[in-house]
Amino acid sequence: MDSPSTTNYFQGTGYALWTPTGGVQRDLGNIVECELTPSVDKLEHKKTRGGSKKTDFTQYNNQAVQIRIVLDEVTAENLAIELMSQVVENTDGTKTIRLMSVSTITGALEFIGDNNVGNKVHGVFPSVSFGPSGSFSPISGDDFGQLEITGDLLAITYTDGITDFGQMTVTEAA
């Protein structure tokens, strides 16, 4: 829809599917927040003629994208992502998390927008590496407990030679 239009207002909701490398796809549960943060290093060339330096060219190097997801479904599998851990299923049905027991947590992530208001956003990120960030409190006080997982979208090269971090598709609201 062309702008301006109230149809373009957005109140995003959705869910994410995580497929660990060598593992099985699963739903991460209820997402409270989901953010993508791109970053680059800016290299500026300065023209030094004419009495003062002036920027006459910029180039952006070291492109990166970070993803941050806040979940309120505290499962052993979700905690294991945050705490770089393996999950051990015990004979009594409980699960034990071996804290900081792995050096990488990689896989593919897909975000499916399912909101009722505004355009729907669908993201496919074929290579993600999660690492520890934030903190987890087993005491939640007056609100629901949450845990935060943060990862880097890793660039991949496709068969057509294009390299990127994944793709996002926007489906316009009806």
N, C-alpha and C. Protein backbone atom coordinates (compact mmCIF):
# COMPACT_ATOMS: atom_id res chain seq x y z
N MET A 1 0.86 -1.18 0.00
CA MET A 1 0.00 0.00 0.00
C MET A 1 0.90 1.24 0.00
N ASP A 2 0.58 2.18 -0.85
CA ASP A 2 1.35 3.42 -0.91
C ASP A 2 1.13 4.24 0.35
N SER A 3 2.11 5.03 0.71
CA SER A 3 2.01 5.93 1.87
C SER A 3 1.53 7.28 1.39
N PRO A 4 0.84 8.04 2.22
CA PRO A 4 0.38 7.66 3.55
C PRO A 4 -0.90 6.82 3.50
N SER A 5 -1.00 5.89 4.46
CA SER A 5 -2.19 5.05 4.56
C SER A 5 -2.24 4.44 5.95
N THR A 6 -3.40 4.45 6.57
CA THR A 6 -3.55 3.82 7.89
C THR A 6 -3.38 2.31 7.79
N THR A 7 -3.50 1.75 6.59
CA THR A 7 -3.29 0.32 6.39
C THR A 7 -1.83 -0.06 6.68
N ASN A 8 -0.94 0.90 6.58
CA ASN A 8 0.48 0.64 6.84
C ASN A 8 0.85 0.67 8.32
N TYR A 9 -0.07 1.08 9.18
CA TYR A 9 0.22 1.03 10.62
C TYR A 9 0.46 -0.42 11.00
N PHE A 10 1.30 -0.61 11.98
CA PHE A 10 1.79 -1.96 12.25
C PHE A 10 1.76 -2.26 13.72
N GLN A 11 1.17 -3.38 14.07
CA GLN A 11 1.24 -3.88 15.44
C GLN A 11 1.64 -5.34 15.33
N GLY A 12 2.97 -5.55 15.34
CA GLY A 12 3.53 -6.85 15.03
C GLY A 12 3.35 -7.89 16.12
N THR A 13 3.01 -9.08 15.68
CA THR A 13 3.03 -10.27 16.51
C THR A 13 3.57 -11.40 15.64
N GLY A 14 3.94 -12.48 16.25
CA GLY A 14 4.42 -13.61 15.46
C GLY A 14 5.12 -14.63 16.33
N TYR A 15 5.75 -15.57 15.65
CA TYR A 15 6.46 -16.63 16.36
C TYR A 15 7.71 -16.99 15.57
N ALA A 16 8.62 -17.70 16.23
CA ALA A 16 9.88 -18.05 15.59
C ALA A 16 10.10 -19.56 15.68
N LEU A 17 10.63 -20.09 14.59
CA LEU A 17 10.99 -21.49 14.52
C LEU A 17 12.51 -21.60 14.47
N TRP A 18 13.08 -22.39 15.36
CA TRP A 18 14.52 -22.57 15.47
C TRP A 18 14.88 -23.99 15.05
N THR A 19 15.85 -24.10 14.15
CA THR A 19 16.34 -25.40 13.73
C THR A 19 17.83 -25.46 14.04
N PRO A 20 18.23 -26.08 15.15
CA PRO A 20 19.65 -26.15 15.46
C PRO A 20 20.39 -27.00 14.42
N THR A 21 21.64 -26.67 14.18
CA THR A 21 22.44 -27.44 13.23
C THR A 21 22.42 -28.91 13.63
N GLY A 22 22.00 -29.76 12.70
CA GLY A 22 21.91 -31.19 12.96
C GLY A 22 20.73 -31.60 13.81
N GLY A 23 19.83 -30.65 14.10
CA GLY A 23 18.70 -30.95 14.99
C GLY A 23 17.36 -30.83 14.30
N VAL A 24 16.33 -30.79 15.11
CA VAL A 24 14.95 -30.76 14.63
C VAL A 24 14.35 -29.39 14.89
N GLN A 25 13.57 -28.88 13.95
CA GLN A 25 12.93 -27.58 14.09
C GLN A 25 11.95 -27.58 15.25
N ARG A 26 11.92 -26.46 16.00
CA ARG A 26 10.96 -26.32 17.10
C ARG A 26 10.54 -24.87 17.24
N ASP A 27 9.38 -24.67 17.83
CA ASP A 27 8.84 -23.34 18.12
C ASP A 27 9.51 -22.84 19.40
N LEU A 28 9.99 -21.59 19.39
CA LEU A 28 10.63 -21.03 20.58
C LEU A 28 9.63 -20.61 21.65
N GLY A 29 8.34 -20.59 21.32
CA GLY A 29 7.33 -20.19 22.29
C GLY A 29 6.98 -18.72 22.15
N ASN A 30 6.34 -18.17 23.16
CA ASN A 30 5.86 -16.79 23.09
C ASN A 30 7.02 -15.80 23.09
N ILE A 31 6.99 -14.90 22.12
CA ILE A 31 8.03 -13.88 21.98
C ILE A 31 7.50 -12.56 22.51
N VAL A 32 8.21 -11.97 23.46
CA VAL A 32 7.84 -10.67 24.02
C VAL A 32 8.43 -9.55 23.18
N GLU A 33 9.68 -9.73 22.72
CA GLU A 33 10.35 -8.76 21.87
C GLU A 33 11.21 -9.50 20.86
N CYS A 34 11.34 -8.92 19.67
CA CYS A 34 12.22 -9.46 18.64
C CYS A 34 12.79 -8.28 17.87
N GLU A 35 14.11 -8.13 17.87
CA GLU A 35 14.75 -6.99 17.24
C GLU A 35 15.90 -7.43 16.35
N LEU A 36 16.00 -6.81 15.20
CA LEU A 36 17.16 -6.96 14.33
C LEU A 36 17.93 -5.65 14.36
N THR A 37 19.23 -5.73 14.58
CA THR A 37 20.06 -4.53 14.64
C THR A 37 21.22 -4.66 13.67
N PRO A 38 21.15 -3.94 12.53
CA PRO A 38 22.28 -3.97 11.62
C PRO A 38 23.39 -3.04 12.12
N SER A 39 24.62 -3.36 11.74
CA SER A 39 25.75 -2.48 12.07
C SER A 39 26.78 -2.54 10.96
N VAL A 40 27.50 -1.44 10.81
CA VAL A 40 28.56 -1.34 9.81
C VAL A 40 29.66 -0.45 10.36
N ASP A 41 30.84 -0.58 9.78
CA ASP A 41 31.91 0.37 10.03
C ASP A 41 31.92 1.33 8.85
N LYS A 42 31.89 2.61 9.15
CA LYS A 42 31.84 3.63 8.10
C LYS A 42 33.26 4.14 7.84
N LEU A 43 33.69 4.04 6.59
CA LEU A 43 35.00 4.54 6.17
C LEU A 43 34.76 5.76 5.30
N GLU A 44 35.30 6.89 5.74
CA GLU A 44 35.10 8.13 5.00
C GLU A 44 36.41 8.58 4.35
N HIS A 45 36.31 9.02 3.11
CA HIS A 45 37.46 9.63 2.44
C HIS A 45 37.28 11.13 2.51
N LYS A 46 38.35 11.83 2.86
CA LYS A 46 38.30 13.30 2.99
C LYS A 46 39.07 13.96 1.85
N LYS A 47 38.45 14.94 1.26
CA LYS A 47 39.10 15.78 0.26
C LYS A 47 39.78 16.90 1.03
N THR A 48 41.05 17.10 0.81
CA THR A 48 41.81 18.07 1.61
C THR A 48 42.16 19.33 0.81
N ARG A 49 41.44 19.63 -0.21
CA ARG A 49 41.68 20.84 -1.00
C ARG A 49 40.62 21.88 -0.68
N GLY A 50 40.95 23.11 -0.87
CA GLY A 50 39.95 24.17 -0.74
C GLY A 50 39.84 24.74 0.65
N GLY A 51 40.84 24.57 1.49
CA GLY A 51 40.84 25.24 2.78
C GLY A 51 40.34 24.42 3.95
N SER A 52 39.48 23.43 3.74
CA SER A 52 39.04 22.57 4.83
C SER A 52 38.75 21.18 4.29
N LYS A 53 38.84 20.20 5.18
CA LYS A 53 38.56 18.82 4.77
C LYS A 53 37.06 18.64 4.58
N LYS A 54 36.72 17.93 3.51
CA LYS A 54 35.31 17.64 3.23
C LYS A 54 35.20 16.18 2.84
N THR A 55 34.19 15.53 3.34
CA THR A 55 33.95 14.14 2.97
C THR A 55 33.42 14.09 1.54
N ASP A 56 34.13 13.31 0.69
CA ASP A 56 33.69 13.20 -0.69
C ASP A 56 33.34 11.76 -1.09
N PHE A 57 33.49 10.82 -0.15
CA PHE A 57 33.15 9.43 -0.45
C PHE A 57 33.00 8.66 0.86
N THR A 58 31.99 7.83 0.94
CA THR A 58 31.86 6.94 2.10
C THR A 58 31.66 5.51 1.62
N GLN A 59 32.22 4.61 2.38
CA GLN A 59 32.06 3.18 2.11
C GLN A 59 31.75 2.50 3.43
N TYR A 60 30.89 1.47 3.38
CA TYR A 60 30.50 0.78 4.59
C TYR A 60 31.09 -0.63 4.57
N ASN A 61 31.91 -0.92 5.57
CA ASN A 61 32.60 -2.20 5.69
C ASN A 61 32.10 -2.94 6.92
N ASN A 62 32.48 -4.20 7.02
CA ASN A 62 32.19 -5.02 8.20
C ASN A 62 30.70 -5.03 8.53
N GLN A 63 29.90 -5.39 7.56
CA GLN A 63 28.46 -5.46 7.77
C GLN A 63 28.13 -6.62 8.70
N ALA A 64 27.19 -6.38 9.60
CA ALA A 64 26.76 -7.40 10.55
C ALA A 64 25.31 -7.14 10.93
N VAL A 65 24.62 -8.20 11.35
CA VAL A 65 23.26 -8.07 11.85
C VAL A 65 23.14 -8.91 13.11
N GLN A 66 22.63 -8.31 14.17
CA GLN A 66 22.40 -9.02 15.42
C GLN A 66 20.90 -9.17 15.62
N ILE A 67 20.49 -10.31 16.18
CA ILE A 67 19.08 -10.53 16.51
C ILE A 67 18.96 -10.72 18.01
N ARG A 68 17.95 -10.09 18.57
CA ARG A 68 17.68 -10.19 20.01
C ARG A 68 16.23 -10.64 20.16
N ILE A 69 16.04 -11.71 20.92
CA ILE A 69 14.70 -12.25 21.15
C ILE A 69 14.49 -12.40 22.65
N VAL A 70 13.40 -11.84 23.15
CA VAL A 70 13.02 -12.00 24.55
C VAL A 70 11.84 -12.96 24.59
N LEU A 71 12.00 -14.03 25.36
CA LEU A 71 10.98 -15.07 25.47
C LEU A 71 10.44 -15.11 26.88
N ASP A 72 9.18 -15.49 27.03
CA ASP A 72 8.66 -15.68 28.39
C ASP A 72 8.24 -17.12 28.64
N GLU A 73 8.65 -18.02 27.75
CA GLU A 73 8.46 -19.44 27.99
C GLU A 73 9.81 -20.02 28.39
N VAL A 74 9.97 -20.21 29.69
CA VAL A 74 11.24 -20.68 30.23
C VAL A 74 11.25 -22.21 30.18
N THR A 75 11.86 -22.71 29.12
CA THR A 75 12.02 -24.16 28.95
C THR A 75 13.50 -24.49 29.05
N ALA A 76 13.79 -25.74 29.28
CA ALA A 76 15.20 -26.17 29.34
C ALA A 76 15.89 -25.85 28.01
N GLU A 77 15.20 -26.07 26.91
CA GLU A 77 15.79 -25.84 25.59
C GLU A 77 16.07 -24.35 25.35
N ASN A 78 15.16 -23.47 25.78
CA ASN A 78 15.39 -22.03 25.62
C ASN A 78 16.50 -21.54 26.54
N LEU A 79 16.51 -22.03 27.78
CA LEU A 79 17.61 -21.66 28.69
C LEU A 79 18.95 -22.13 28.15
N ALA A 80 18.95 -23.28 27.52
CA ALA A 80 20.20 -23.82 26.97
C ALA A 80 20.77 -22.90 25.89
N ILE A 81 19.91 -22.25 25.10
CA ILE A 81 20.41 -21.31 24.10
C ILE A 81 21.07 -20.13 24.80
N GLU A 82 20.39 -19.57 25.81
CA GLU A 82 20.93 -18.41 26.51
C GLU A 82 22.23 -18.74 27.25
N LEU A 83 22.32 -19.93 27.80
CA LEU A 83 23.46 -20.29 28.65
C LEU A 83 24.47 -21.21 27.94
N MET A 84 24.40 -21.25 26.61
CA MET A 84 25.32 -22.04 25.77
C MET A 84 25.51 -23.43 26.37
N SER A 85 24.41 -24.15 26.42
CA SER A 85 24.40 -25.40 27.18
C SER A 85 23.81 -26.55 26.40
N GLN A 86 24.09 -27.73 26.90
CA GLN A 86 23.44 -28.94 26.43
C GLN A 86 22.31 -29.26 27.39
N VAL A 87 21.27 -29.89 26.86
CA VAL A 87 20.17 -30.35 27.70
C VAL A 87 20.29 -31.86 27.83
N VAL A 88 20.28 -32.33 29.06
CA VAL A 88 20.33 -33.76 29.33
C VAL A 88 18.96 -34.18 29.85
N GLU A 89 18.35 -35.16 29.19
CA GLU A 89 17.07 -35.68 29.64
C GLU A 89 17.33 -36.81 30.63
N ASN A 90 16.86 -36.63 31.84
CA ASN A 90 17.10 -37.59 32.91
C ASN A 90 16.03 -38.70 32.89
N THR A 91 16.35 -39.82 33.51
CA THR A 91 15.44 -40.96 33.53
C THR A 91 14.15 -40.66 34.29
N ASP A 92 14.18 -39.67 35.20
CA ASP A 92 12.97 -39.34 35.96
C ASP A 92 12.07 -38.32 35.24
N GLY A 93 12.43 -37.96 33.99
CA GLY A 93 11.62 -37.03 33.22
C GLY A 93 12.05 -35.58 33.33
N THR A 94 12.95 -35.26 34.26
CA THR A 94 13.45 -33.89 34.38
C THR A 94 14.54 -33.66 33.33
N LYS A 95 14.88 -32.40 33.15
CA LYS A 95 15.94 -32.04 32.22
C LYS A 95 16.99 -31.23 32.97
N THR A 96 18.24 -31.53 32.72
CA THR A 96 19.36 -30.83 33.33
C THR A 96 20.09 -30.04 32.25
N ILE A 97 20.46 -28.81 32.60
CA ILE A 97 21.21 -27.97 31.67
C ILE A 97 22.66 -27.94 32.12
N ARG A 98 23.55 -28.31 31.23
CA ARG A 98 24.99 -28.30 31.50
C ARG A 98 25.52 -26.92 31.10
N LEU A 99 25.65 -26.02 32.08
CA LEU A 99 25.96 -24.61 31.81
C LEU A 99 27.28 -24.43 31.07
N MET A 100 27.20 -23.59 30.03
CA MET A 100 28.37 -23.21 29.21
C MET A 100 29.15 -24.44 28.75
N SER A 101 28.44 -25.46 28.33
CA SER A 101 29.07 -26.73 27.96
C SER A 101 29.35 -26.85 26.46
N VAL A 102 28.90 -25.87 25.66
CA VAL A 102 29.19 -25.89 24.23
C VAL A 102 29.81 -24.55 23.83
N SER A 103 30.60 -24.57 22.77
CA SER A 103 31.27 -23.34 22.35
C SER A 103 30.51 -22.60 21.25
N THR A 104 29.60 -23.29 20.56
CA THR A 104 28.78 -22.62 19.55
C THR A 104 27.37 -23.21 19.57
N ILE A 105 26.41 -22.34 19.30
CA ILE A 105 25.03 -22.77 19.10
C ILE A 105 24.60 -22.15 17.78
N THR A 106 24.52 -22.99 16.75
CA THR A 106 24.22 -22.49 15.41
C THR A 106 23.00 -23.19 14.84
N GLY A 107 22.41 -22.55 13.85
CA GLY A 107 21.27 -23.14 13.19
C GLY A 107 20.58 -22.12 12.31
N ALA A 108 19.33 -22.42 11.96
CA ALA A 108 18.52 -21.54 11.12
C ALA A 108 17.32 -21.05 11.93
N LEU A 109 16.92 -19.83 11.66
CA LEU A 109 15.80 -19.21 12.37
C LEU A 109 14.82 -18.64 11.36
N GLU A 110 13.54 -18.85 11.63
CA GLU A 110 12.50 -18.29 10.77
C GLU A 110 11.50 -17.57 11.66
N PHE A 111 11.19 -16.32 11.32
CA PHE A 111 10.18 -15.55 12.04
C PHE A 111 8.96 -15.43 11.15
N ILE A 112 7.80 -15.78 11.69
CA ILE A 112 6.55 -15.73 10.93
C ILE A 112 5.63 -14.72 11.60
N GLY A 113 5.38 -13.62 10.91
CA GLY A 113 4.45 -12.61 11.42
C GLY A 113 3.02 -13.09 11.28
N ASP A 114 2.26 -12.95 12.36
CA ASP A 114 0.85 -13.38 12.31
C ASP A 114 -0.09 -12.32 12.87
N ASN A 115 0.33 -11.06 12.75
CA ASN A 115 -0.46 -9.96 13.30
C ASN A 115 -1.74 -9.72 12.53
N ASN A 116 -2.72 -9.12 13.22
CA ASN A 116 -4.01 -8.77 12.63
C ASN A 116 -4.03 -7.36 12.06
N VAL A 117 -3.11 -6.50 12.54
CA VAL A 117 -3.09 -5.10 12.12
C VAL A 117 -1.79 -4.83 11.37
N GLY A 118 -1.93 -4.36 10.14
CA GLY A 118 -0.77 -3.97 9.36
C GLY A 118 -0.16 -5.09 8.54
N ASN A 119 0.93 -4.74 7.87
CA ASN A 119 1.63 -5.69 7.02
C ASN A 119 2.25 -6.79 7.87
N LYS A 120 2.34 -7.98 7.30
CA LYS A 120 2.98 -9.11 7.98
C LYS A 120 4.42 -9.21 7.51
N VAL A 121 5.32 -9.45 8.45
CA VAL A 121 6.74 -9.58 8.14
C VAL A 121 7.16 -11.03 8.38
N HIS A 122 7.84 -11.59 7.39
CA HIS A 122 8.32 -12.97 7.48
C HIS A 122 9.83 -12.93 7.23
N GLY A 123 10.61 -13.41 8.19
CA GLY A 123 12.05 -13.40 8.07
C GLY A 123 12.62 -14.80 8.03
N VAL A 124 13.54 -15.05 7.11
CA VAL A 124 14.24 -16.33 7.01
C VAL A 124 15.73 -16.04 7.15
N PHE A 125 16.34 -16.61 8.19
CA PHE A 125 17.74 -16.38 8.49
C PHE A 125 18.43 -17.73 8.53
N PRO A 126 19.06 -18.13 7.42
CA PRO A 126 19.57 -19.50 7.29
C PRO A 126 20.78 -19.84 8.15
N SER A 127 21.49 -18.84 8.66
CA SER A 127 22.66 -19.13 9.47
C SER A 127 22.74 -18.15 10.64
N VAL A 128 22.47 -18.65 11.85
CA VAL A 128 22.47 -17.83 13.06
C VAL A 128 23.38 -18.49 14.08
N SER A 129 24.13 -17.67 14.80
CA SER A 129 24.97 -18.16 15.89
C SER A 129 24.56 -17.43 17.16
N PHE A 130 24.02 -18.17 18.12
CA PHE A 130 23.59 -17.58 19.39
C PHE A 130 24.74 -17.64 20.40
N GLY A 131 24.81 -16.61 21.24
CA GLY A 131 25.80 -16.57 22.31
C GLY A 131 25.18 -15.98 23.55
N PRO A 132 25.83 -16.15 24.70
CA PRO A 132 25.25 -15.67 25.94
C PRO A 132 25.21 -14.14 25.98
N SER A 133 24.12 -13.63 26.50
CA SER A 133 23.98 -12.19 26.70
C SER A 133 22.89 -11.98 27.73
N GLY A 134 22.87 -10.82 28.32
CA GLY A 134 21.84 -10.54 29.30
C GLY A 134 21.96 -11.46 30.51
N SER A 135 20.86 -11.57 31.21
CA SER A 135 20.85 -12.39 32.41
C SER A 135 19.50 -13.08 32.53
N PHE A 136 19.46 -14.09 33.37
CA PHE A 136 18.22 -14.79 33.65
C PHE A 136 18.02 -14.80 35.15
N SER A 137 16.83 -14.42 35.59
CA SER A 137 16.52 -14.45 37.01
C SER A 137 15.46 -15.52 37.26
N PRO A 138 15.74 -16.50 38.13
CA PRO A 138 14.73 -17.50 38.46
C PRO A 138 13.63 -16.95 39.37
N ILE A 139 13.76 -15.69 39.78
CA ILE A 139 12.73 -15.02 40.57
C ILE A 139 12.15 -13.92 39.71
N SER A 140 10.82 -13.94 39.49
CA SER A 140 10.24 -13.00 38.54
C SER A 140 9.48 -11.84 39.17
N GLY A 141 9.33 -11.82 40.47
CA GLY A 141 8.67 -10.69 41.11
C GLY A 141 7.22 -10.56 40.71
N ASP A 142 6.81 -9.35 40.29
CA ASP A 142 5.41 -9.07 39.98
C ASP A 142 5.03 -9.33 38.53
N ASP A 143 5.98 -9.73 37.70
CA ASP A 143 5.71 -9.94 36.29
C ASP A 143 6.11 -11.35 35.90
N PHE A 144 5.80 -11.75 34.68
CA PHE A 144 6.22 -13.06 34.20
C PHE A 144 7.73 -13.07 33.98
N GLY A 145 8.35 -14.19 34.24
CA GLY A 145 9.78 -14.32 34.00
C GLY A 145 10.09 -14.31 32.51
N GLN A 146 11.29 -13.86 32.19
CA GLN A 146 11.71 -13.79 30.79
C GLN A 146 13.16 -14.22 30.66
N LEU A 147 13.53 -14.60 29.46
CA LEU A 147 14.93 -14.82 29.16
C LEU A 147 15.21 -14.23 27.79
N GLU A 148 16.44 -13.79 27.62
CA GLU A 148 16.85 -13.09 26.40
C GLU A 148 17.92 -13.89 25.69
N ILE A 149 17.71 -14.11 24.40
CA ILE A 149 18.75 -14.75 23.60
C ILE A 149 19.17 -13.78 22.50
N THR A 150 20.46 -13.70 22.30
CA THR A 150 21.01 -12.79 21.30
C THR A 150 21.95 -13.57 20.39
N GLY A 151 21.84 -13.28 19.12
CA GLY A 151 22.69 -13.99 18.17
C GLY A 151 23.12 -13.11 17.03
N ASP A 152 24.03 -13.64 16.24
CA ASP A 152 24.50 -12.97 15.04
C ASP A 152 23.96 -13.70 13.83
N LEU A 153 23.39 -12.94 12.90
CA LEU A 153 23.05 -13.52 11.62
C LEU A 153 24.36 -13.61 10.84
N LEU A 154 24.66 -14.79 10.31
CA LEU A 154 25.91 -15.00 9.60
C LEU A 154 25.66 -14.94 8.11
N ALA A 155 26.54 -14.28 7.39
CA ALA A 155 26.40 -14.14 5.94
C ALA A 155 26.66 -15.48 5.27
N ILE A 156 25.85 -15.76 4.27
CA ILE A 156 26.05 -16.96 3.47
C ILE A 156 26.06 -16.55 2.00
N THR A 157 26.72 -17.35 1.18
CA THR A 157 26.75 -17.10 -0.26
C THR A 157 25.86 -18.14 -0.93
N TYR A 158 24.91 -17.67 -1.72
CA TYR A 158 23.97 -18.52 -2.42
C TYR A 158 24.57 -19.01 -3.74
N THR A 159 23.91 -19.95 -4.36
CA THR A 159 24.41 -20.51 -5.62
C THR A 159 24.47 -19.47 -6.73
N ASP A 160 23.67 -18.38 -6.63
CA ASP A 160 23.73 -17.34 -7.65
C ASP A 160 24.83 -16.32 -7.38
N GLY A 161 25.64 -16.56 -6.32
CA GLY A 161 26.77 -15.68 -6.02
C GLY A 161 26.44 -14.53 -5.09
N ILE A 162 25.18 -14.33 -4.76
CA ILE A 162 24.80 -13.24 -3.86
C ILE A 162 25.08 -13.66 -2.42
N THR A 163 25.66 -12.75 -1.66
CA THR A 163 25.94 -13.00 -0.25
C THR A 163 25.09 -12.05 0.60
N ASP A 164 24.38 -12.61 1.59
CA ASP A 164 23.62 -11.78 2.52
C ASP A 164 23.36 -12.55 3.80
N PHE A 165 22.54 -11.97 4.67
CA PHE A 165 22.28 -12.52 5.99
C PHE A 165 20.92 -13.22 6.09
N GLY A 166 20.20 -13.28 5.00
CA GLY A 166 18.86 -13.84 5.00
C GLY A 166 17.94 -12.93 4.25
N GLN A 167 16.65 -13.12 4.44
CA GLN A 167 15.70 -12.27 3.74
C GLN A 167 14.45 -12.04 4.57
N MET A 168 13.82 -10.92 4.29
CA MET A 168 12.55 -10.59 4.92
C MET A 168 11.54 -10.30 3.82
N THR A 169 10.34 -10.85 3.98
CA THR A 169 9.26 -10.65 3.02
C THR A 169 8.14 -9.91 3.74
N VAL A 170 7.64 -8.88 3.11
CA VAL A 170 6.53 -8.12 3.67
C VAL A 170 5.28 -8.40 2.83
N THR A 171 4.23 -8.90 3.50
CA THR A 171 2.94 -9.13 2.84
C THR A 171 2.02 -8.00 3.25
N GLU A 172 1.57 -7.25 2.26
CA GLU A 172 0.72 -6.10 2.56
C GLU A 172 -0.62 -6.50 3.14
N ALA A 173 -1.09 -5.69 4.08
CA ALA A 173 -2.39 -5.93 4.70
C ALA A 173 -3.50 -5.80 3.67
N ALA A 174 -4.52 -6.57 3.86
CA ALA A 174 -5.66 -6.55 2.91
C ALA A 174 -6.50 -5.31 3.08
